[in-house]
């Protein structure tokens, strides 16, 4: 049987705070462990020639939670070092997808500081969904479509809206893995998940093992993907 080509894998990272509580640690320790796991997963995907990796770090629904202070403090302190560590893996291009509204000023400054989209020679693309929600992305697409149509004196239905979505020219994810025990997609890149194979794990994100990903890929390789045909 011919194996399915795996080009794009995405993750919903759920369970950092529950992992910390289970291990009698504070939330900050849970997030630190979660960041270590992100690095491990990206390295694994790079070594296995998976060209696109998308990670759901923070939703628009969760951005205003009071207990996110520790998360933002860690992001502000560790993000530069995290990016440098990722760059040591290999030729990687990084994007942040999401909205700027409601984020602390220091986080916005941090995001703007890094030239994520300036690499032309790369083997892997990493998308970090930060303050992301599909409804907000859809509103953005509608706004940009209307502006483009008006500027170019076109009817809206003549506009190619694909270029206005965050993942635009990237292939849709082949696999979605959600950790943490919830069997839902939670407002995550819905336009891109139409034919994605979904895998929901009870495992909390910091406890995710590479062997679990390997087993999911083996299952994926045995699927007869018909894309609605």
N, C-alpha and C. Protein backbone atom coordinates (compact mmCIF):
# COMPACT_ATOMS: atom_id res chain seq x y z
N UNK A 1 0.84 -1.21 0.00
CA UNK A 1 0.00 0.00 0.00
C UNK A 1 0.87 1.25 0.00
N UNK A 2 0.52 2.19 -0.86
CA UNK A 2 1.26 3.43 -0.94
C UNK A 2 0.98 4.29 0.28
N UNK A 3 2.03 4.82 0.90
CA UNK A 3 1.86 5.65 2.10
C UNK A 3 1.34 7.03 1.72
N UNK A 4 0.50 7.58 2.61
CA UNK A 4 0.05 8.95 2.42
C UNK A 4 1.21 9.91 2.67
N UNK A 5 1.31 10.93 1.84
CA UNK A 5 2.34 11.94 2.03
C UNK A 5 1.94 12.84 3.19
N UNK A 6 2.81 12.95 4.17
CA UNK A 6 2.56 13.81 5.33
C UNK A 6 3.38 15.08 5.19
N UNK A 7 2.70 16.17 4.87
CA UNK A 7 3.39 17.45 4.68
C UNK A 7 3.13 18.44 5.81
N UNK A 8 1.95 18.32 6.43
CA UNK A 8 1.54 19.34 7.40
C UNK A 8 0.85 18.67 8.58
N UNK A 9 1.37 18.93 9.76
CA UNK A 9 0.78 18.39 10.99
C UNK A 9 0.51 19.56 11.94
N UNK A 10 -0.63 19.51 12.63
CA UNK A 10 -0.92 20.59 13.57
C UNK A 10 -1.33 20.01 14.92
N UNK A 11 -1.16 20.85 15.94
CA UNK A 11 -1.37 20.41 17.31
C UNK A 11 -2.20 21.45 18.07
N UNK A 12 -3.14 20.97 18.86
CA UNK A 12 -3.80 21.79 19.87
C UNK A 12 -3.17 21.40 21.20
N UNK A 13 -2.44 22.34 21.79
CA UNK A 13 -1.62 22.06 22.97
C UNK A 13 -2.46 22.26 24.23
N UNK A 14 -3.05 21.20 24.72
CA UNK A 14 -3.94 21.33 25.87
C UNK A 14 -3.41 20.51 27.05
N UNK A 15 -3.41 21.12 28.23
CA UNK A 15 -3.10 20.36 29.43
C UNK A 15 -1.91 20.83 30.24
N UNK A 16 -1.31 21.97 29.91
CA UNK A 16 -0.15 22.44 30.67
C UNK A 16 -0.47 22.72 32.14
N UNK A 17 -1.60 23.43 32.37
CA UNK A 17 -1.95 23.76 33.75
C UNK A 17 -2.38 22.52 34.54
N UNK A 18 -3.10 21.63 33.89
CA UNK A 18 -3.50 20.39 34.58
C UNK A 18 -2.30 19.51 34.88
N UNK A 19 -1.31 19.54 33.97
CA UNK A 19 -0.07 18.78 34.22
C UNK A 19 0.64 19.34 35.45
N UNK A 20 0.70 20.67 35.55
CA UNK A 20 1.36 21.29 36.70
C UNK A 20 0.64 20.90 38.00
N UNK A 21 -0.68 20.95 37.98
CA UNK A 21 -1.46 20.61 39.18
C UNK A 21 -1.26 19.15 39.55
N UNK A 22 -1.25 18.27 38.55
CA UNK A 22 -1.06 16.85 38.80
C UNK A 22 0.30 16.56 39.43
N UNK A 23 1.29 17.38 39.07
CA UNK A 23 2.65 17.17 39.57
C UNK A 23 3.01 18.11 40.72
N UNK A 24 1.99 18.73 41.33
CA UNK A 24 2.18 19.63 42.48
C UNK A 24 3.16 20.76 42.18
N UNK A 25 3.03 21.33 40.98
CA UNK A 25 3.86 22.45 40.55
C UNK A 25 2.98 23.66 40.26
N UNK A 26 3.60 24.82 40.11
CA UNK A 26 2.80 26.00 39.78
C UNK A 26 2.59 26.08 38.26
N UNK A 27 1.70 26.99 37.85
CA UNK A 27 1.35 27.09 36.44
C UNK A 27 2.56 27.42 35.57
N UNK A 28 3.45 28.26 36.08
CA UNK A 28 4.62 28.66 35.32
C UNK A 28 5.46 27.44 34.96
N UNK A 29 5.60 26.51 35.91
CA UNK A 29 6.36 25.29 35.64
C UNK A 29 5.67 24.45 34.56
N UNK A 30 4.34 24.47 34.57
CA UNK A 30 3.59 23.74 33.55
C UNK A 30 3.84 24.31 32.17
N UNK A 31 3.83 25.63 32.06
CA UNK A 31 4.09 26.27 30.77
C UNK A 31 5.53 26.04 30.31
N UNK A 32 6.47 26.08 31.25
CA UNK A 32 7.88 25.82 30.89
C UNK A 32 8.03 24.42 30.31
N UNK A 33 7.38 23.46 30.96
CA UNK A 33 7.44 22.08 30.45
C UNK A 33 6.78 21.98 29.09
N UNK A 34 5.71 22.75 28.89
CA UNK A 34 5.03 22.76 27.61
C UNK A 34 5.91 23.31 26.50
N UNK A 35 6.68 24.34 26.81
CA UNK A 35 7.60 24.93 25.82
C UNK A 35 8.69 23.92 25.45
N UNK A 36 9.19 23.19 26.43
CA UNK A 36 10.19 22.15 26.15
C UNK A 36 9.62 21.12 25.18
N UNK A 37 8.34 20.80 25.38
CA UNK A 37 7.70 19.82 24.51
C UNK A 37 7.55 20.37 23.09
N UNK A 38 7.24 21.65 22.96
CA UNK A 38 7.14 22.26 21.63
C UNK A 38 8.46 22.10 20.88
N UNK A 39 9.56 22.42 21.55
CA UNK A 39 10.88 22.28 20.92
C UNK A 39 11.12 20.83 20.49
N UNK A 40 10.80 19.89 21.36
CA UNK A 40 11.01 18.47 21.05
C UNK A 40 10.20 18.05 19.83
N UNK A 41 8.96 18.51 19.74
CA UNK A 41 8.08 18.13 18.63
C UNK A 41 8.58 18.75 17.32
N UNK A 42 8.96 20.02 17.36
CA UNK A 42 9.46 20.68 16.15
C UNK A 42 10.72 19.98 15.64
N UNK A 43 11.60 19.63 16.54
CA UNK A 43 12.84 18.93 16.17
C UNK A 43 12.51 17.58 15.53
N UNK A 44 11.57 16.86 16.12
CA UNK A 44 11.15 15.56 15.56
C UNK A 44 10.60 15.74 14.15
N UNK A 45 9.74 16.73 13.97
CA UNK A 45 9.12 16.95 12.66
C UNK A 45 10.15 17.36 11.63
N UNK A 46 11.13 18.16 12.04
CA UNK A 46 12.18 18.58 11.12
C UNK A 46 13.01 17.37 10.67
N UNK A 47 13.36 16.53 11.62
CA UNK A 47 14.18 15.36 11.31
C UNK A 47 13.43 14.35 10.44
N UNK A 48 12.09 14.41 10.46
CA UNK A 48 11.28 13.48 9.66
C UNK A 48 10.68 14.16 8.44
N UNK A 49 11.24 15.30 8.08
CA UNK A 49 10.90 15.99 6.83
C UNK A 49 9.43 16.37 6.72
N UNK A 50 8.83 16.71 7.83
CA UNK A 50 7.47 17.25 7.82
C UNK A 50 7.60 18.76 7.62
N UNK A 51 7.16 19.25 6.50
CA UNK A 51 7.49 20.60 6.04
C UNK A 51 6.74 21.71 6.79
N UNK A 52 5.55 21.40 7.28
CA UNK A 52 4.73 22.43 7.94
C UNK A 52 4.23 21.92 9.28
N UNK A 53 4.38 22.75 10.30
CA UNK A 53 3.89 22.42 11.64
C UNK A 53 3.14 23.65 12.16
N UNK A 54 1.90 23.45 12.59
CA UNK A 54 1.11 24.54 13.14
C UNK A 54 0.72 24.19 14.57
N UNK A 55 0.96 25.11 15.50
CA UNK A 55 0.72 24.86 16.92
C UNK A 55 -0.23 25.91 17.48
N UNK A 56 -1.30 25.46 18.12
CA UNK A 56 -2.31 26.34 18.70
C UNK A 56 -1.89 26.66 20.14
N UNK A 57 -1.27 27.83 20.31
CA UNK A 57 -0.73 28.20 21.62
C UNK A 57 -1.75 28.89 22.50
N UNK A 58 -2.53 29.81 21.92
CA UNK A 58 -3.45 30.62 22.73
C UNK A 58 -4.61 31.07 21.86
N UNK A 59 -5.84 30.82 22.33
CA UNK A 59 -7.03 31.22 21.58
C UNK A 59 -7.48 32.61 21.98
N UNK A 60 -8.28 33.24 21.13
CA UNK A 60 -8.84 34.55 21.46
C UNK A 60 -9.78 34.45 22.65
N UNK A 61 -10.42 33.29 22.81
CA UNK A 61 -11.32 33.10 23.95
C UNK A 61 -10.57 33.08 25.27
N UNK A 62 -9.35 32.57 25.24
CA UNK A 62 -8.57 32.39 26.47
C UNK A 62 -7.66 33.57 26.81
N UNK A 63 -7.50 34.50 25.87
CA UNK A 63 -6.49 35.54 26.07
C UNK A 63 -6.78 36.44 27.26
N UNK A 64 -8.06 36.59 27.62
CA UNK A 64 -8.42 37.50 28.71
C UNK A 64 -8.56 36.82 30.07
N UNK A 65 -8.25 35.54 30.14
CA UNK A 65 -8.33 34.86 31.43
C UNK A 65 -7.33 35.45 32.41
N UNK A 66 -7.76 35.64 33.64
CA UNK A 66 -6.89 36.26 34.64
C UNK A 66 -5.65 35.43 34.92
N UNK A 67 -5.80 34.11 34.80
CA UNK A 67 -4.65 33.26 35.14
C UNK A 67 -3.65 33.14 33.98
N UNK A 68 -3.78 34.00 32.95
CA UNK A 68 -2.81 34.00 31.86
C UNK A 68 -1.59 34.86 32.16
N UNK A 69 -1.57 35.54 33.31
CA UNK A 69 -0.44 36.41 33.63
C UNK A 69 0.88 35.65 33.62
N UNK A 70 0.87 34.46 34.20
CA UNK A 70 2.10 33.68 34.24
C UNK A 70 2.53 33.26 32.84
N UNK A 71 1.55 32.97 31.98
CA UNK A 71 1.85 32.60 30.60
C UNK A 71 2.52 33.75 29.86
N UNK A 72 1.97 34.97 30.01
CA UNK A 72 2.53 36.14 29.33
C UNK A 72 3.91 36.49 29.88
N UNK A 73 4.09 36.33 31.19
CA UNK A 73 5.40 36.60 31.78
C UNK A 73 6.46 35.66 31.21
N UNK A 74 6.10 34.39 31.09
CA UNK A 74 7.03 33.41 30.55
C UNK A 74 7.32 33.70 29.08
N UNK A 75 6.28 34.05 28.31
CA UNK A 75 6.47 34.37 26.90
C UNK A 75 7.42 35.54 26.74
N UNK A 76 7.23 36.56 27.56
CA UNK A 76 8.07 37.76 27.47
C UNK A 76 9.53 37.44 27.82
N UNK A 77 9.71 36.54 28.77
CA UNK A 77 11.05 36.22 29.25
C UNK A 77 11.77 35.22 28.35
N UNK A 78 11.02 34.29 27.78
CA UNK A 78 11.65 33.14 27.14
C UNK A 78 11.59 33.12 25.62
N UNK A 79 10.79 34.02 25.02
CA UNK A 79 10.51 33.90 23.60
C UNK A 79 11.75 34.05 22.73
N UNK A 80 12.59 35.01 23.03
CA UNK A 80 13.79 35.23 22.22
C UNK A 80 14.70 34.00 22.26
N UNK A 81 14.88 33.44 23.45
CA UNK A 81 15.70 32.24 23.58
C UNK A 81 15.07 31.05 22.87
N UNK A 82 13.74 30.97 22.91
CA UNK A 82 13.02 29.89 22.23
C UNK A 82 13.26 29.96 20.72
N UNK A 83 13.15 31.16 20.15
CA UNK A 83 13.35 31.34 18.71
C UNK A 83 14.77 30.96 18.32
N UNK A 84 15.76 31.38 19.11
CA UNK A 84 17.16 31.05 18.82
C UNK A 84 17.38 29.54 18.87
N UNK A 85 16.74 28.89 19.84
CA UNK A 85 16.89 27.44 19.98
C UNK A 85 16.26 26.71 18.79
N UNK A 86 15.10 27.20 18.34
CA UNK A 86 14.45 26.60 17.18
C UNK A 86 15.32 26.77 15.94
N UNK A 87 15.92 27.94 15.78
CA UNK A 87 16.75 28.20 14.60
C UNK A 87 17.98 27.30 14.54
N UNK A 88 18.41 26.79 15.70
CA UNK A 88 19.56 25.89 15.72
C UNK A 88 19.21 24.50 15.18
N UNK A 89 17.91 24.18 15.14
CA UNK A 89 17.49 22.88 14.62
C UNK A 89 17.84 22.77 13.14
N UNK A 90 17.59 23.84 12.40
CA UNK A 90 17.84 23.84 10.97
C UNK A 90 17.26 25.07 10.31
N UNK A 91 17.03 24.98 9.02
CA UNK A 91 16.50 26.10 8.25
C UNK A 91 14.98 26.16 8.41
N UNK A 92 14.54 26.98 9.36
CA UNK A 92 13.13 27.04 9.72
C UNK A 92 12.60 28.46 9.58
N UNK A 93 11.46 28.58 8.95
CA UNK A 93 10.75 29.86 8.86
C UNK A 93 9.62 29.84 9.89
N UNK A 94 9.47 30.92 10.65
CA UNK A 94 8.44 30.98 11.68
C UNK A 94 7.44 32.09 11.39
N UNK A 95 6.16 31.78 11.57
CA UNK A 95 5.09 32.76 11.45
C UNK A 95 4.28 32.78 12.73
N UNK A 96 3.76 33.94 13.08
CA UNK A 96 2.75 34.02 14.13
C UNK A 96 1.43 34.38 13.46
N UNK A 97 0.41 33.58 13.68
CA UNK A 97 -0.91 33.87 13.13
C UNK A 97 -1.86 34.17 14.27
N UNK A 98 -2.69 35.18 14.08
CA UNK A 98 -3.62 35.57 15.13
C UNK A 98 -3.84 37.07 15.13
N UNK A 99 -4.55 37.53 16.14
CA UNK A 99 -4.93 38.93 16.24
C UNK A 99 -4.02 39.67 17.22
N UNK A 100 -3.92 40.99 17.03
CA UNK A 100 -3.13 41.82 17.94
C UNK A 100 -3.94 42.40 19.08
N UNK A 101 -5.27 42.40 18.94
CA UNK A 101 -6.11 43.00 19.96
C UNK A 101 -6.00 42.26 21.29
N UNK A 102 -6.06 43.02 22.35
CA UNK A 102 -6.14 42.51 23.73
C UNK A 102 -4.85 41.87 24.25
N UNK A 103 -3.77 41.98 23.50
CA UNK A 103 -2.50 41.47 23.99
C UNK A 103 -1.76 42.56 24.76
N UNK A 104 -1.02 42.18 25.82
CA UNK A 104 -0.20 43.17 26.54
C UNK A 104 0.80 43.84 25.60
N UNK A 105 1.12 45.10 25.88
CA UNK A 105 2.00 45.87 25.01
C UNK A 105 3.37 45.22 24.87
N UNK A 106 3.89 44.66 25.97
CA UNK A 106 5.22 44.05 25.90
C UNK A 106 5.23 42.82 24.99
N UNK A 107 4.11 42.11 24.94
CA UNK A 107 4.00 40.95 24.06
C UNK A 107 3.94 41.39 22.60
N UNK A 108 3.18 42.45 22.34
CA UNK A 108 3.12 43.00 20.98
C UNK A 108 4.49 43.46 20.51
N UNK A 109 5.22 44.13 21.39
CA UNK A 109 6.58 44.59 21.04
C UNK A 109 7.49 43.41 20.74
N UNK A 110 7.31 42.33 21.50
CA UNK A 110 8.12 41.13 21.31
C UNK A 110 7.86 40.51 19.94
N UNK A 111 6.58 40.43 19.58
CA UNK A 111 6.20 39.86 18.28
C UNK A 111 6.75 40.69 17.13
N UNK A 112 6.64 42.00 17.26
CA UNK A 112 7.09 42.89 16.19
C UNK A 112 8.61 42.91 16.06
N UNK A 113 9.30 42.53 17.11
CA UNK A 113 10.76 42.58 17.12
C UNK A 113 11.40 41.56 16.20
N UNK A 114 10.74 40.43 16.00
CA UNK A 114 11.34 39.34 15.25
C UNK A 114 10.85 39.31 13.81
N UNK A 115 11.77 39.30 12.84
CA UNK A 115 11.40 39.30 11.42
C UNK A 115 11.06 37.88 10.94
N UNK A 116 9.89 37.38 11.35
CA UNK A 116 9.55 35.98 11.08
C UNK A 116 9.50 35.64 9.59
N UNK A 117 9.10 36.58 8.78
CA UNK A 117 8.80 36.24 7.40
C UNK A 117 9.92 36.58 6.42
N UNK A 118 11.12 36.80 6.90
CA UNK A 118 12.18 37.26 6.02
C UNK A 118 13.11 36.16 5.51
N UNK A 119 12.89 34.93 5.92
CA UNK A 119 13.75 33.85 5.45
C UNK A 119 13.27 33.36 4.08
N UNK A 120 14.20 33.24 3.13
CA UNK A 120 13.86 32.75 1.81
C UNK A 120 14.35 31.33 1.58
N UNK A 121 15.31 30.89 2.37
CA UNK A 121 15.89 29.57 2.23
C UNK A 121 15.56 28.77 3.48
N UNK A 122 14.55 27.91 3.40
CA UNK A 122 14.13 27.16 4.59
C UNK A 122 13.57 25.80 4.18
N UNK A 123 13.64 24.85 5.11
CA UNK A 123 13.14 23.49 4.88
C UNK A 123 11.83 23.21 5.61
N UNK A 124 11.49 24.07 6.57
CA UNK A 124 10.28 23.83 7.37
C UNK A 124 9.66 25.17 7.74
N UNK A 125 8.33 25.19 7.78
CA UNK A 125 7.58 26.36 8.21
C UNK A 125 6.84 26.05 9.50
N UNK A 126 7.04 26.88 10.51
CA UNK A 126 6.35 26.74 11.79
C UNK A 126 5.34 27.88 11.92
N UNK A 127 4.08 27.55 12.16
CA UNK A 127 3.05 28.54 12.42
C UNK A 127 2.65 28.47 13.89
N UNK A 128 2.82 29.58 14.60
CA UNK A 128 2.43 29.65 16.00
C UNK A 128 1.12 30.44 16.08
N UNK A 129 0.02 29.76 16.39
CA UNK A 129 -1.28 30.42 16.50
C UNK A 129 -1.40 31.02 17.90
N UNK A 130 -1.31 32.34 17.96
CA UNK A 130 -1.24 33.05 19.23
C UNK A 130 -2.33 34.13 19.25
N UNK A 131 -3.24 34.05 20.20
CA UNK A 131 -4.42 34.92 20.21
C UNK A 131 -5.19 34.71 18.91
N UNK A 132 -5.41 33.44 18.59
CA UNK A 132 -6.06 33.06 17.33
C UNK A 132 -7.47 32.55 17.58
N UNK A 133 -8.38 32.88 16.67
CA UNK A 133 -9.72 32.31 16.63
C UNK A 133 -10.22 32.37 15.20
N UNK A 134 -10.85 31.30 14.73
CA UNK A 134 -11.26 31.26 13.33
C UNK A 134 -12.29 32.34 13.00
N UNK A 135 -13.19 32.64 13.92
CA UNK A 135 -14.19 33.67 13.66
C UNK A 135 -13.50 35.01 13.40
N UNK A 136 -12.45 35.31 14.17
CA UNK A 136 -11.71 36.55 13.96
C UNK A 136 -10.95 36.51 12.62
N UNK A 137 -10.41 35.35 12.27
CA UNK A 137 -9.75 35.24 10.97
C UNK A 137 -10.74 35.47 9.84
N UNK A 138 -11.95 34.91 9.98
CA UNK A 138 -12.96 35.06 8.94
C UNK A 138 -13.38 36.52 8.79
N UNK A 139 -13.52 37.22 9.90
CA UNK A 139 -13.84 38.66 9.84
C UNK A 139 -12.74 39.42 9.10
N UNK A 140 -11.50 39.05 9.37
CA UNK A 140 -10.36 39.68 8.71
C UNK A 140 -10.39 39.41 7.21
N UNK A 141 -10.72 38.18 6.82
CA UNK A 141 -10.79 37.81 5.41
C UNK A 141 -11.89 38.62 4.70
N UNK A 142 -13.03 38.74 5.33
CA UNK A 142 -14.14 39.50 4.74
C UNK A 142 -13.75 40.97 4.55
N UNK A 143 -13.12 41.53 5.57
CA UNK A 143 -12.69 42.93 5.48
C UNK A 143 -11.69 43.13 4.35
N UNK A 144 -10.69 42.26 4.27
CA UNK A 144 -9.66 42.39 3.24
C UNK A 144 -10.24 42.16 1.84
N UNK A 145 -11.19 41.23 1.74
CA UNK A 145 -11.84 40.96 0.45
C UNK A 145 -12.58 42.19 -0.05
N UNK A 146 -13.35 42.80 0.84
CA UNK A 146 -14.10 44.01 0.46
C UNK A 146 -13.17 45.15 0.07
N UNK A 147 -12.09 45.33 0.83
CA UNK A 147 -11.14 46.40 0.53
C UNK A 147 -10.46 46.16 -0.82
N UNK A 148 -10.08 44.90 -1.08
CA UNK A 148 -9.42 44.57 -2.34
C UNK A 148 -10.36 44.78 -3.53
N UNK A 149 -11.61 44.34 -3.37
CA UNK A 149 -12.60 44.50 -4.44
C UNK A 149 -12.85 45.97 -4.75
N UNK A 150 -12.93 46.77 -3.70
CA UNK A 150 -13.17 48.20 -3.88
C UNK A 150 -11.99 48.87 -4.56
N UNK A 151 -10.80 48.52 -4.10
CA UNK A 151 -9.59 49.14 -4.65
C UNK A 151 -9.37 48.77 -6.11
N UNK A 152 -9.72 47.54 -6.47
CA UNK A 152 -9.48 47.06 -7.83
C UNK A 152 -10.73 47.08 -8.71
N UNK A 153 -11.79 47.70 -8.20
CA UNK A 153 -13.05 47.85 -8.94
C UNK A 153 -13.56 46.50 -9.46
N UNK A 154 -13.64 45.56 -8.54
CA UNK A 154 -14.11 44.22 -8.85
C UNK A 154 -15.34 43.89 -8.01
N UNK A 155 -16.09 42.88 -8.46
CA UNK A 155 -17.14 42.34 -7.61
C UNK A 155 -16.50 41.42 -6.58
N UNK A 156 -17.07 41.37 -5.40
CA UNK A 156 -16.50 40.55 -4.34
C UNK A 156 -16.36 39.10 -4.75
N UNK A 157 -17.34 38.58 -5.48
CA UNK A 157 -17.29 37.16 -5.87
C UNK A 157 -16.21 36.87 -6.92
N UNK A 158 -15.56 37.89 -7.44
CA UNK A 158 -14.47 37.70 -8.39
C UNK A 158 -13.11 37.65 -7.70
N UNK A 159 -13.08 37.97 -6.40
CA UNK A 159 -11.82 38.04 -5.66
C UNK A 159 -11.41 36.65 -5.18
N UNK A 160 -10.15 36.31 -5.35
CA UNK A 160 -9.62 35.06 -4.81
C UNK A 160 -9.31 35.26 -3.33
N UNK A 161 -10.18 34.78 -2.47
CA UNK A 161 -10.04 35.05 -1.03
C UNK A 161 -8.98 34.18 -0.37
N UNK A 162 -8.49 33.16 -1.08
CA UNK A 162 -7.51 32.24 -0.48
C UNK A 162 -6.31 32.99 0.08
N UNK A 163 -5.88 34.02 -0.61
CA UNK A 163 -4.67 34.74 -0.20
C UNK A 163 -4.86 35.56 1.07
N UNK A 164 -6.09 35.68 1.55
CA UNK A 164 -6.34 36.49 2.73
C UNK A 164 -6.43 35.65 4.01
N UNK A 165 -6.43 34.33 3.87
CA UNK A 165 -6.38 33.47 5.06
C UNK A 165 -4.95 33.38 5.55
N UNK A 166 -4.77 33.15 6.84
CA UNK A 166 -3.44 33.16 7.44
C UNK A 166 -2.49 32.14 6.81
N UNK A 167 -3.00 30.94 6.51
CA UNK A 167 -2.13 29.88 5.98
C UNK A 167 -2.06 29.88 4.47
N UNK A 168 -2.73 30.76 3.83
CA UNK A 168 -2.84 30.97 2.38
C UNK A 168 -2.21 29.89 1.51
N UNK A 169 -0.94 30.03 1.13
CA UNK A 169 -0.34 29.12 0.14
C UNK A 169 0.13 27.79 0.72
N UNK A 170 -0.04 27.60 2.00
CA UNK A 170 0.41 26.35 2.62
C UNK A 170 -0.62 25.24 2.38
N UNK A 171 -0.15 23.99 2.28
CA UNK A 171 -1.11 22.87 2.17
C UNK A 171 -1.91 22.73 3.46
N UNK A 172 -3.15 22.30 3.35
CA UNK A 172 -3.96 22.08 4.54
C UNK A 172 -3.33 20.96 5.39
N UNK A 173 -3.53 21.01 6.70
CA UNK A 173 -2.96 19.97 7.57
C UNK A 173 -3.48 18.58 7.18
N UNK A 174 -2.59 17.61 7.20
CA UNK A 174 -2.96 16.22 6.98
C UNK A 174 -3.46 15.59 8.28
N UNK A 175 -2.84 16.01 9.39
CA UNK A 175 -3.15 15.44 10.70
C UNK A 175 -3.32 16.57 11.71
N UNK A 176 -4.34 16.44 12.56
CA UNK A 176 -4.48 17.29 13.75
C UNK A 176 -4.40 16.39 14.97
N UNK A 177 -3.54 16.74 15.91
CA UNK A 177 -3.45 16.03 17.18
C UNK A 177 -3.82 17.01 18.29
N UNK A 178 -4.82 16.64 19.09
CA UNK A 178 -5.17 17.45 20.26
C UNK A 178 -4.91 16.62 21.51
N UNK A 179 -4.13 17.18 22.42
CA UNK A 179 -3.88 16.54 23.70
C UNK A 179 -4.87 17.05 24.74
N UNK A 180 -4.90 16.42 25.90
CA UNK A 180 -5.66 16.95 27.03
C UNK A 180 -7.03 16.36 27.26
N UNK A 181 -7.51 15.47 26.37
CA UNK A 181 -8.74 14.74 26.65
C UNK A 181 -10.02 15.32 26.10
N UNK A 182 -9.98 16.49 25.45
CA UNK A 182 -11.19 17.07 24.88
C UNK A 182 -11.27 16.76 23.39
N UNK A 183 -12.45 16.30 22.96
CA UNK A 183 -12.64 15.91 21.56
C UNK A 183 -13.34 17.01 20.78
N UNK A 184 -12.67 18.15 20.67
CA UNK A 184 -13.22 19.27 19.92
C UNK A 184 -12.09 20.07 19.28
N UNK A 185 -12.47 20.91 18.30
CA UNK A 185 -11.47 21.65 17.52
C UNK A 185 -11.26 23.06 18.06
N UNK A 186 -12.23 23.58 18.79
CA UNK A 186 -12.08 24.84 19.54
C UNK A 186 -11.69 26.04 18.67
N UNK A 187 -12.45 26.26 17.59
CA UNK A 187 -12.31 27.51 16.82
C UNK A 187 -10.93 27.63 16.16
N UNK A 188 -10.36 26.49 15.77
CA UNK A 188 -8.99 26.47 15.24
C UNK A 188 -8.97 26.19 13.74
N UNK A 189 -8.44 27.07 12.94
CA UNK A 189 -8.23 26.99 11.49
C UNK A 189 -9.28 26.10 10.78
N UNK A 190 -10.56 26.36 11.02
CA UNK A 190 -11.62 25.49 10.50
C UNK A 190 -11.60 25.39 8.98
N UNK A 191 -11.26 26.46 8.32
CA UNK A 191 -11.22 26.44 6.85
C UNK A 191 -10.20 25.44 6.35
N UNK A 192 -9.13 25.23 7.11
CA UNK A 192 -8.03 24.36 6.67
C UNK A 192 -8.17 22.92 7.14
N UNK A 193 -9.19 22.62 7.93
CA UNK A 193 -9.31 21.27 8.52
C UNK A 193 -10.41 20.43 7.86
N UNK A 194 -10.85 20.82 6.68
CA UNK A 194 -12.00 20.17 6.04
C UNK A 194 -11.76 18.67 5.85
N UNK A 195 -10.56 18.29 5.41
CA UNK A 195 -10.27 16.87 5.18
C UNK A 195 -9.12 16.35 6.05
N UNK A 196 -8.84 17.05 7.12
CA UNK A 196 -7.76 16.66 8.02
C UNK A 196 -8.18 15.45 8.86
N UNK A 197 -7.25 14.54 9.08
CA UNK A 197 -7.49 13.40 9.97
C UNK A 197 -7.29 13.86 11.41
N UNK A 198 -8.29 13.61 12.26
CA UNK A 198 -8.30 14.14 13.63
C UNK A 198 -7.97 13.04 14.64
N UNK A 199 -7.07 13.37 15.57
CA UNK A 199 -6.68 12.43 16.61
C UNK A 199 -6.72 13.15 17.97
N UNK A 200 -7.52 12.60 18.90
CA UNK A 200 -7.68 13.21 20.21
C UNK A 200 -7.08 12.27 21.26
N UNK A 201 -6.20 12.83 22.08
CA UNK A 201 -5.48 12.04 23.07
C UNK A 201 -5.83 12.49 24.48
N UNK A 202 -5.91 11.54 25.40
CA UNK A 202 -6.11 11.87 26.82
C UNK A 202 -4.85 12.48 27.42
N UNK A 203 -3.71 12.20 26.83
CA UNK A 203 -2.41 12.65 27.34
C UNK A 203 -2.36 14.17 27.45
N UNK A 204 -1.86 14.68 28.56
CA UNK A 204 -1.63 16.11 28.70
C UNK A 204 -0.41 16.51 27.87
N UNK A 205 -0.44 17.75 27.34
CA UNK A 205 0.61 18.15 26.39
C UNK A 205 2.03 17.88 26.87
N UNK A 206 2.43 18.25 28.09
CA UNK A 206 3.82 18.01 28.49
C UNK A 206 4.19 16.53 28.55
N UNK A 207 3.19 15.64 28.64
CA UNK A 207 3.45 14.20 28.72
C UNK A 207 3.43 13.53 27.35
N UNK A 208 3.15 14.28 26.29
CA UNK A 208 3.07 13.68 24.95
C UNK A 208 4.41 13.06 24.57
N UNK A 209 4.37 11.82 24.11
CA UNK A 209 5.58 11.10 23.74
C UNK A 209 5.71 11.03 22.21
N UNK A 210 6.94 11.04 21.75
CA UNK A 210 7.19 10.93 20.32
C UNK A 210 6.65 9.62 19.77
N UNK A 211 6.65 8.58 20.59
CA UNK A 211 6.11 7.28 20.14
C UNK A 211 4.62 7.38 19.84
N UNK A 212 3.89 8.25 20.57
CA UNK A 212 2.47 8.45 20.28
C UNK A 212 2.28 9.10 18.91
N UNK A 213 3.12 10.07 18.60
CA UNK A 213 3.05 10.70 17.28
C UNK A 213 3.39 9.69 16.19
N UNK A 214 4.41 8.88 16.44
CA UNK A 214 4.79 7.85 15.47
C UNK A 214 3.64 6.89 15.21
N UNK A 215 2.92 6.48 16.26
CA UNK A 215 1.79 5.57 16.11
C UNK A 215 0.66 6.21 15.31
N UNK A 216 0.43 7.50 15.54
CA UNK A 216 -0.60 8.21 14.78
C UNK A 216 -0.22 8.29 13.31
N UNK A 217 1.05 8.55 13.03
CA UNK A 217 1.50 8.61 11.63
C UNK A 217 1.36 7.26 10.95
N UNK A 218 1.62 6.18 11.69
CA UNK A 218 1.44 4.84 11.13
C UNK A 218 -0.03 4.59 10.79
N UNK A 219 -0.93 5.02 11.66
CA UNK A 219 -2.37 4.89 11.37
C UNK A 219 -2.75 5.73 10.17
N UNK A 220 -2.21 6.93 10.12
CA UNK A 220 -2.50 7.85 9.00
C UNK A 220 -2.06 7.23 7.67
N UNK A 221 -0.93 6.55 7.68
CA UNK A 221 -0.40 5.96 6.44
C UNK A 221 -1.31 4.87 5.89
N UNK A 222 -2.16 4.29 6.74
CA UNK A 222 -3.04 3.19 6.31
C UNK A 222 -4.41 3.68 5.86
N UNK A 223 -4.68 4.97 5.99
CA UNK A 223 -5.99 5.52 5.64
C UNK A 223 -6.09 5.72 4.12
N UNK A 224 -7.23 5.37 3.59
CA UNK A 224 -7.53 5.66 2.18
C UNK A 224 -8.20 7.03 2.12
N UNK A 225 -7.43 8.05 1.83
CA UNK A 225 -7.93 9.43 1.85
C UNK A 225 -8.63 9.74 0.53
N UNK A 226 -9.95 10.04 0.60
CA UNK A 226 -10.75 10.25 -0.61
C UNK A 226 -11.11 11.73 -0.83
N UNK A 227 -10.88 12.57 0.17
CA UNK A 227 -11.15 14.00 0.04
C UNK A 227 -12.57 14.27 -0.46
N UNK A 228 -13.51 13.53 0.10
CA UNK A 228 -14.92 13.76 -0.21
C UNK A 228 -15.41 13.10 -1.48
N UNK A 229 -14.52 12.41 -2.21
CA UNK A 229 -14.92 11.77 -3.47
C UNK A 229 -15.51 10.39 -3.25
